[in-house]
Amino acid sequence: MEYLGSCLCKGVKFKISGDFESFYLCHCRYCRKDTGSAHAANLFSATAKLEWIKRDTEIRSFQPHNSKHVKAFCTHCGSALPNLQMDGKLLVVPAGSLDTKLKLRPDAHIFIANKAEWDESLEQIHKFERLPE
C-alpha cells in the first residue's frame, strides 16, 4: 500500500510505502499533552518505508527526558509528522497527517489508566456538521 501525507502548511510532504501492523489510540500523558486532545491516533510499522517528498520547512523532533515518546513536527505550522523510533526499527505515523484515505480502524485504546477525566461517554453528546451557531 502507498500513503501520502503532509503538514498543515504543506511545507512538508511525505510518502509511506508498505503496511501498518498496528493502529492505536494512545491516552498516555505524553500523547495527550502533545496533541492537546484526549488521545493520539498513531499508526505503527516495522516494515513500511518513509520518503520525504517535500521539505520546504524544517522538521524537528522532541523526546521528553527519560521517556520513549518521540514527537516529530513541522517547525512552521507545528503539525505532527512521522518519525522513526527504536533505532530506526519502528515507523510511527500520526494518522491525521495522512492525505490518503485510511481504511484501517484503530486496533485498541492504549494507556487507558491515563485517560482524561472528561473522556467518557462522548458518543452521547451533541454532534454538529460544523461549528454550532
N, C-alpha and C. Protein backbone atom coordinates (compact mmCIF):
# COMPACT_ATOMS: atom_id res chain seq x y z
N MET A 1 0.83 -1.18 0.00
CA MET A 1 0.00 0.00 0.00
C MET A 1 0.88 1.24 0.00
N GLU A 2 0.36 2.33 -0.52
CA GLU A 2 1.08 3.59 -0.53
C GLU A 2 0.19 4.68 0.04
N TYR A 3 0.75 5.49 0.94
CA TYR A 3 0.01 6.56 1.59
C TYR A 3 0.77 7.86 1.41
N LEU A 4 0.05 8.95 1.12
CA LEU A 4 0.63 10.27 1.03
C LEU A 4 0.18 11.08 2.23
N GLY A 5 1.03 11.99 2.67
CA GLY A 5 0.68 12.83 3.80
C GLY A 5 1.41 14.15 3.75
N SER A 6 0.99 15.06 4.65
CA SER A 6 1.59 16.39 4.69
C SER A 6 1.29 17.05 6.02
N CYS A 7 1.95 18.19 6.23
CA CYS A 7 1.64 19.00 7.40
C CYS A 7 0.57 20.02 7.02
N LEU A 8 0.12 20.78 7.97
CA LEU A 8 -0.96 21.75 7.76
C LEU A 8 -0.58 22.83 6.75
N CYS A 9 0.66 23.32 6.78
CA CYS A 9 1.07 24.39 5.86
C CYS A 9 1.52 23.85 4.50
N LYS A 10 1.57 22.54 4.35
CA LYS A 10 2.01 21.86 3.12
C LYS A 10 3.48 22.08 2.80
N GLY A 11 4.25 22.56 3.79
CA GLY A 11 5.69 22.72 3.60
C GLY A 11 6.44 21.41 3.66
N VAL A 12 5.80 20.41 4.24
CA VAL A 12 6.38 19.07 4.33
C VAL A 12 5.38 18.09 3.74
N LYS A 13 5.86 17.25 2.81
CA LYS A 13 5.03 16.18 2.24
C LYS A 13 5.84 14.90 2.28
N PHE A 14 5.13 13.79 2.45
CA PHE A 14 5.83 12.50 2.56
C PHE A 14 5.00 11.39 1.94
N LYS A 15 5.70 10.27 1.73
CA LYS A 15 5.06 9.05 1.21
C LYS A 15 5.46 7.89 2.11
N ILE A 16 4.48 7.06 2.44
CA ILE A 16 4.72 5.82 3.18
C ILE A 16 4.43 4.67 2.23
N SER A 17 5.38 3.78 2.06
CA SER A 17 5.20 2.59 1.22
C SER A 17 5.22 1.37 2.12
N GLY A 18 4.12 0.62 2.12
CA GLY A 18 4.04 -0.57 2.95
C GLY A 18 2.79 -0.59 3.78
N ASP A 19 2.74 -1.52 4.70
CA ASP A 19 1.56 -1.73 5.52
C ASP A 19 1.83 -1.36 6.98
N PHE A 20 0.76 -1.02 7.66
CA PHE A 20 0.84 -0.75 9.09
C PHE A 20 0.42 -2.00 9.85
N GLU A 21 1.18 -2.36 10.87
CA GLU A 21 0.84 -3.53 11.67
C GLU A 21 -0.13 -3.19 12.80
N SER A 22 -0.09 -1.94 13.28
CA SER A 22 -0.93 -1.55 14.41
C SER A 22 -1.45 -0.13 14.23
N PHE A 23 -2.61 0.12 14.81
CA PHE A 23 -3.23 1.44 14.83
C PHE A 23 -3.80 1.62 16.23
N TYR A 24 -3.16 2.48 17.02
CA TYR A 24 -3.57 2.65 18.41
C TYR A 24 -4.00 4.08 18.71
N LEU A 25 -4.98 4.19 19.58
CA LEU A 25 -5.40 5.46 20.15
C LEU A 25 -4.75 5.51 21.53
N CYS A 26 -3.74 6.35 21.67
CA CYS A 26 -2.93 6.36 22.88
C CYS A 26 -3.35 7.49 23.82
N HIS A 27 -3.68 7.11 25.05
CA HIS A 27 -4.13 8.06 26.07
C HIS A 27 -3.03 8.39 27.08
N CYS A 28 -1.77 8.05 26.79
CA CYS A 28 -0.70 8.35 27.75
C CYS A 28 -0.57 9.86 27.94
N ARG A 29 0.05 10.25 29.03
CA ARG A 29 0.15 11.68 29.33
C ARG A 29 0.94 12.44 28.28
N TYR A 30 1.90 11.80 27.64
CA TYR A 30 2.69 12.46 26.60
C TYR A 30 1.85 12.71 25.35
N CYS A 31 1.11 11.70 24.92
CA CYS A 31 0.27 11.87 23.72
C CYS A 31 -0.84 12.88 23.95
N ARG A 32 -1.43 12.86 25.13
CA ARG A 32 -2.46 13.85 25.44
C ARG A 32 -1.87 15.26 25.42
N LYS A 33 -0.70 15.42 25.98
CA LYS A 33 -0.07 16.74 26.04
C LYS A 33 0.35 17.22 24.65
N ASP A 34 0.96 16.33 23.85
CA ASP A 34 1.47 16.83 22.56
C ASP A 34 0.39 16.97 21.49
N THR A 35 -0.79 16.39 21.71
CA THR A 35 -1.89 16.62 20.77
C THR A 35 -2.88 17.66 21.29
N GLY A 36 -2.87 17.88 22.61
CA GLY A 36 -3.85 18.79 23.19
C GLY A 36 -5.25 18.19 23.15
N SER A 37 -5.32 16.88 23.07
CA SER A 37 -6.61 16.20 22.92
C SER A 37 -6.69 15.00 23.87
N ALA A 38 -7.75 14.23 23.71
CA ALA A 38 -7.98 13.07 24.57
C ALA A 38 -6.97 11.95 24.30
N HIS A 39 -6.48 11.87 23.08
CA HIS A 39 -5.55 10.81 22.72
C HIS A 39 -4.87 11.13 21.39
N ALA A 40 -3.80 10.45 21.13
CA ALA A 40 -3.16 10.49 19.82
C ALA A 40 -3.66 9.28 19.02
N ALA A 41 -3.70 9.41 17.71
CA ALA A 41 -4.07 8.31 16.82
C ALA A 41 -2.85 8.01 15.96
N ASN A 42 -2.12 6.95 16.30
CA ASN A 42 -0.87 6.64 15.63
C ASN A 42 -0.87 5.27 14.97
N LEU A 43 -0.26 5.24 13.79
CA LEU A 43 -0.07 4.01 13.04
C LEU A 43 1.38 3.56 13.23
N PHE A 44 1.59 2.25 13.33
CA PHE A 44 2.92 1.70 13.60
C PHE A 44 3.28 0.67 12.54
N SER A 45 4.55 0.71 12.10
CA SER A 45 5.03 -0.29 11.16
C SER A 45 6.52 -0.55 11.35
N ALA A 46 6.86 -1.82 11.33
CA ALA A 46 8.27 -2.22 11.38
C ALA A 46 8.80 -2.49 9.98
N THR A 47 7.92 -2.43 8.96
CA THR A 47 8.34 -2.77 7.60
C THR A 47 8.12 -1.66 6.58
N ALA A 48 7.19 -0.74 6.82
CA ALA A 48 6.90 0.33 5.86
C ALA A 48 8.08 1.29 5.76
N LYS A 49 8.18 1.95 4.62
CA LYS A 49 9.28 2.89 4.36
C LYS A 49 8.73 4.31 4.25
N LEU A 50 9.47 5.24 4.83
CA LEU A 50 9.13 6.66 4.81
C LEU A 50 10.02 7.38 3.81
N GLU A 51 9.40 8.18 2.93
CA GLU A 51 10.14 9.00 1.97
C GLU A 51 9.63 10.44 2.08
N TRP A 52 10.54 11.37 2.29
CA TRP A 52 10.18 12.79 2.32
C TRP A 52 10.13 13.29 0.89
N ILE A 53 8.98 13.78 0.46
CA ILE A 53 8.79 14.26 -0.91
C ILE A 53 9.10 15.76 -1.00
N LYS A 54 8.72 16.50 0.03
CA LYS A 54 8.93 17.95 0.06
C LYS A 54 9.31 18.34 1.48
N ARG A 55 10.37 19.14 1.60
CA ARG A 55 10.80 19.62 2.92
C ARG A 55 11.17 21.09 2.82
N ASP A 56 10.16 21.92 2.54
CA ASP A 56 10.39 23.36 2.45
C ASP A 56 10.52 23.99 3.84
N THR A 57 10.06 23.29 4.85
CA THR A 57 10.21 23.77 6.22
C THR A 57 10.99 22.72 7.00
N GLU A 58 11.54 23.12 8.11
CA GLU A 58 12.35 22.22 8.91
C GLU A 58 11.48 21.25 9.70
N ILE A 59 11.97 20.05 9.85
CA ILE A 59 11.32 19.03 10.68
C ILE A 59 12.17 18.87 11.93
N ARG A 60 11.55 18.97 13.07
CA ARG A 60 12.25 18.79 14.34
C ARG A 60 11.60 17.65 15.09
N SER A 61 12.30 17.14 16.06
CA SER A 61 11.71 16.12 16.92
C SER A 61 12.02 16.47 18.37
N PHE A 62 11.19 15.97 19.24
CA PHE A 62 11.32 16.22 20.67
C PHE A 62 11.06 14.91 21.41
N GLN A 63 11.90 14.62 22.38
CA GLN A 63 11.71 13.45 23.22
C GLN A 63 11.86 13.88 24.68
N PRO A 64 10.78 13.76 25.47
CA PRO A 64 10.89 14.10 26.89
C PRO A 64 11.97 13.26 27.57
N HIS A 65 12.66 13.86 28.51
CA HIS A 65 13.72 13.20 29.24
C HIS A 65 13.23 11.90 29.88
N ASN A 66 14.01 10.85 29.75
CA ASN A 66 13.71 9.53 30.33
C ASN A 66 12.39 8.94 29.84
N SER A 67 12.06 9.16 28.57
CA SER A 67 10.84 8.55 28.01
C SER A 67 11.16 7.94 26.66
N LYS A 68 10.26 7.10 26.18
CA LYS A 68 10.38 6.53 24.84
C LYS A 68 9.54 7.31 23.84
N HIS A 69 8.80 8.30 24.33
CA HIS A 69 7.91 9.10 23.50
C HIS A 69 8.71 10.05 22.61
N VAL A 70 8.40 10.07 21.31
CA VAL A 70 9.04 10.97 20.36
C VAL A 70 7.95 11.65 19.55
N LYS A 71 8.09 12.96 19.39
CA LYS A 71 7.17 13.70 18.53
C LYS A 71 7.99 14.43 17.49
N ALA A 72 7.68 14.21 16.22
CA ALA A 72 8.28 14.96 15.12
C ALA A 72 7.24 15.96 14.65
N PHE A 73 7.71 17.15 14.23
CA PHE A 73 6.74 18.18 13.84
C PHE A 73 7.37 19.17 12.87
N CYS A 74 6.51 19.84 12.12
CA CYS A 74 6.91 20.91 11.20
C CYS A 74 7.18 22.15 12.04
N THR A 75 8.33 22.77 11.85
CA THR A 75 8.66 23.95 12.66
C THR A 75 7.88 25.19 12.23
N HIS A 76 7.25 25.16 11.06
CA HIS A 76 6.47 26.31 10.61
C HIS A 76 5.04 26.28 11.17
N CYS A 77 4.35 25.14 11.04
CA CYS A 77 2.94 25.07 11.47
C CYS A 77 2.71 24.22 12.71
N GLY A 78 3.71 23.45 13.14
CA GLY A 78 3.59 22.63 14.34
C GLY A 78 2.90 21.29 14.16
N SER A 79 2.49 20.96 12.94
CA SER A 79 1.80 19.69 12.71
C SER A 79 2.67 18.49 13.04
N ALA A 80 2.05 17.47 13.62
CA ALA A 80 2.74 16.22 13.91
C ALA A 80 3.10 15.52 12.61
N LEU A 81 4.29 14.91 12.59
CA LEU A 81 4.78 14.23 11.39
C LEU A 81 5.32 12.85 11.76
N PRO A 82 5.47 11.98 10.76
CA PRO A 82 6.03 10.64 11.02
C PRO A 82 7.44 10.72 11.57
N ASN A 83 7.82 9.69 12.30
CA ASN A 83 9.19 9.61 12.80
C ASN A 83 9.58 8.16 12.98
N LEU A 84 10.89 7.94 12.98
CA LEU A 84 11.44 6.61 13.21
C LEU A 84 11.87 6.52 14.67
N GLN A 85 11.54 5.41 15.30
CA GLN A 85 11.88 5.18 16.70
C GLN A 85 12.59 3.84 16.82
N MET A 86 13.06 3.55 18.03
CA MET A 86 13.75 2.29 18.32
C MET A 86 14.90 2.05 17.34
N ASP A 87 15.78 3.05 17.25
CA ASP A 87 16.95 2.98 16.37
C ASP A 87 16.56 2.73 14.91
N GLY A 88 15.47 3.34 14.48
CA GLY A 88 15.02 3.22 13.09
C GLY A 88 14.24 1.98 12.77
N LYS A 89 13.93 1.16 13.76
CA LYS A 89 13.21 -0.10 13.52
C LYS A 89 11.70 0.06 13.49
N LEU A 90 11.17 1.18 14.00
CA LEU A 90 9.72 1.36 14.08
C LEU A 90 9.33 2.71 13.51
N LEU A 91 8.46 2.70 12.52
CA LEU A 91 7.90 3.91 11.94
C LEU A 91 6.59 4.22 12.65
N VAL A 92 6.48 5.46 13.16
CA VAL A 92 5.26 5.90 13.83
C VAL A 92 4.69 7.06 13.01
N VAL A 93 3.44 6.91 12.59
CA VAL A 93 2.81 7.89 11.72
C VAL A 93 1.53 8.41 12.37
N PRO A 94 1.44 9.72 12.64
CA PRO A 94 0.18 10.27 13.13
C PRO A 94 -0.90 10.09 12.06
N ALA A 95 -1.96 9.41 12.39
CA ALA A 95 -3.00 9.08 11.40
C ALA A 95 -3.57 10.34 10.74
N GLY A 96 -3.70 11.42 11.49
CA GLY A 96 -4.25 12.66 10.96
C GLY A 96 -3.34 13.37 9.98
N SER A 97 -2.08 12.96 9.88
CA SER A 97 -1.16 13.59 8.95
C SER A 97 -1.29 13.02 7.53
N LEU A 98 -2.04 11.93 7.39
CA LEU A 98 -2.20 11.31 6.07
C LEU A 98 -3.22 12.07 5.24
N ASP A 99 -2.91 12.24 3.95
CA ASP A 99 -3.85 12.83 2.99
C ASP A 99 -4.62 11.72 2.27
N THR A 100 -4.02 10.55 2.17
CA THR A 100 -4.67 9.39 1.59
C THR A 100 -5.72 8.88 2.57
N LYS A 101 -6.89 8.52 2.07
CA LYS A 101 -7.93 7.99 2.94
C LYS A 101 -7.44 6.69 3.57
N LEU A 102 -7.66 6.58 4.86
CA LEU A 102 -7.21 5.42 5.62
C LEU A 102 -8.39 4.50 5.84
N LYS A 103 -8.28 3.27 5.36
CA LYS A 103 -9.38 2.31 5.51
C LYS A 103 -9.28 1.49 6.77
N LEU A 104 -8.17 1.63 7.49
CA LEU A 104 -7.98 0.89 8.73
C LEU A 104 -8.79 1.52 9.86
N ARG A 105 -9.17 0.70 10.81
CA ARG A 105 -9.81 1.18 12.04
C ARG A 105 -8.83 0.92 13.17
N PRO A 106 -8.88 1.74 14.21
CA PRO A 106 -7.96 1.50 15.33
C PRO A 106 -8.11 0.09 15.90
N ASP A 107 -6.97 -0.46 16.32
CA ASP A 107 -6.95 -1.79 16.94
C ASP A 107 -7.34 -1.74 18.40
N ALA A 108 -6.95 -0.65 19.07
CA ALA A 108 -7.21 -0.57 20.51
C ALA A 108 -6.93 0.82 21.05
N HIS A 109 -7.50 1.10 22.20
CA HIS A 109 -7.13 2.25 23.03
C HIS A 109 -6.02 1.73 23.94
N ILE A 110 -4.94 2.51 24.10
CA ILE A 110 -3.86 2.09 24.99
C ILE A 110 -3.61 3.19 26.04
N PHE A 111 -3.01 2.79 27.14
CA PHE A 111 -2.73 3.67 28.28
C PHE A 111 -4.02 4.30 28.83
N ILE A 112 -5.06 3.47 28.91
CA ILE A 112 -6.36 3.91 29.41
C ILE A 112 -6.27 4.40 30.86
N ALA A 113 -5.32 3.92 31.62
CA ALA A 113 -5.16 4.37 33.01
C ALA A 113 -4.88 5.88 33.08
N ASN A 114 -4.38 6.46 31.97
CA ASN A 114 -4.07 7.88 31.92
C ASN A 114 -5.14 8.70 31.20
N LYS A 115 -6.26 8.07 30.92
CA LYS A 115 -7.34 8.72 30.16
C LYS A 115 -7.82 9.99 30.86
N ALA A 116 -8.14 11.03 30.08
CA ALA A 116 -8.66 12.29 30.63
C ALA A 116 -10.00 12.04 31.32
N GLU A 117 -10.23 12.76 32.40
CA GLU A 117 -11.47 12.60 33.17
C GLU A 117 -12.70 12.92 32.32
N TRP A 118 -12.57 13.84 31.38
CA TRP A 118 -13.71 14.26 30.55
C TRP A 118 -13.91 13.37 29.33
N ASP A 119 -13.07 12.37 29.17
CA ASP A 119 -13.15 11.46 28.02
C ASP A 119 -14.01 10.24 28.36
N GLU A 120 -15.26 10.47 28.64
CA GLU A 120 -16.23 9.41 28.96
C GLU A 120 -17.53 9.63 28.20
N SER A 121 -18.10 8.60 27.68
CA SER A 121 -19.42 8.63 27.03
C SER A 121 -19.54 9.76 26.00
N LEU A 122 -18.50 9.99 25.25
CA LEU A 122 -18.50 11.09 24.27
C LEU A 122 -19.49 10.85 23.13
N GLU A 123 -19.83 9.60 22.88
CA GLU A 123 -20.79 9.32 21.81
C GLU A 123 -22.19 9.83 22.17
N GLN A 124 -22.42 10.18 23.42
CA GLN A 124 -23.73 10.64 23.87
C GLN A 124 -23.91 12.16 23.79
N ILE A 125 -22.85 12.92 23.55
CA ILE A 125 -23.01 14.37 23.49
C ILE A 125 -23.45 14.81 22.10
N HIS A 126 -23.94 16.04 21.99
CA HIS A 126 -24.46 16.57 20.72
C HIS A 126 -23.40 16.49 19.63
N LYS A 127 -23.87 16.33 18.41
CA LYS A 127 -23.00 16.30 17.23
C LYS A 127 -23.49 17.36 16.25
N PHE A 128 -22.56 18.09 15.65
CA PHE A 128 -22.88 19.12 14.67
C PHE A 128 -22.04 18.88 13.41
N GLU A 129 -22.60 19.17 12.25
CA GLU A 129 -21.88 19.04 10.98
C GLU A 129 -20.74 20.06 10.89
N ARG A 130 -20.91 21.22 11.53
CA ARG A 130 -19.91 22.29 11.52
C ARG A 130 -20.01 23.05 12.82
N LEU A 131 -19.27 24.14 12.96
CA LEU A 131 -19.30 24.93 14.18
C LEU A 131 -20.72 25.38 14.49
N PRO A 132 -21.24 25.09 15.70
CA PRO A 132 -22.62 25.47 16.02
C PRO A 132 -22.76 26.99 16.08
N GLU A 133 -23.96 27.45 15.74
CA GLU A 133 -24.23 28.91 15.75
C GLU A 133 -24.84 29.34 17.06
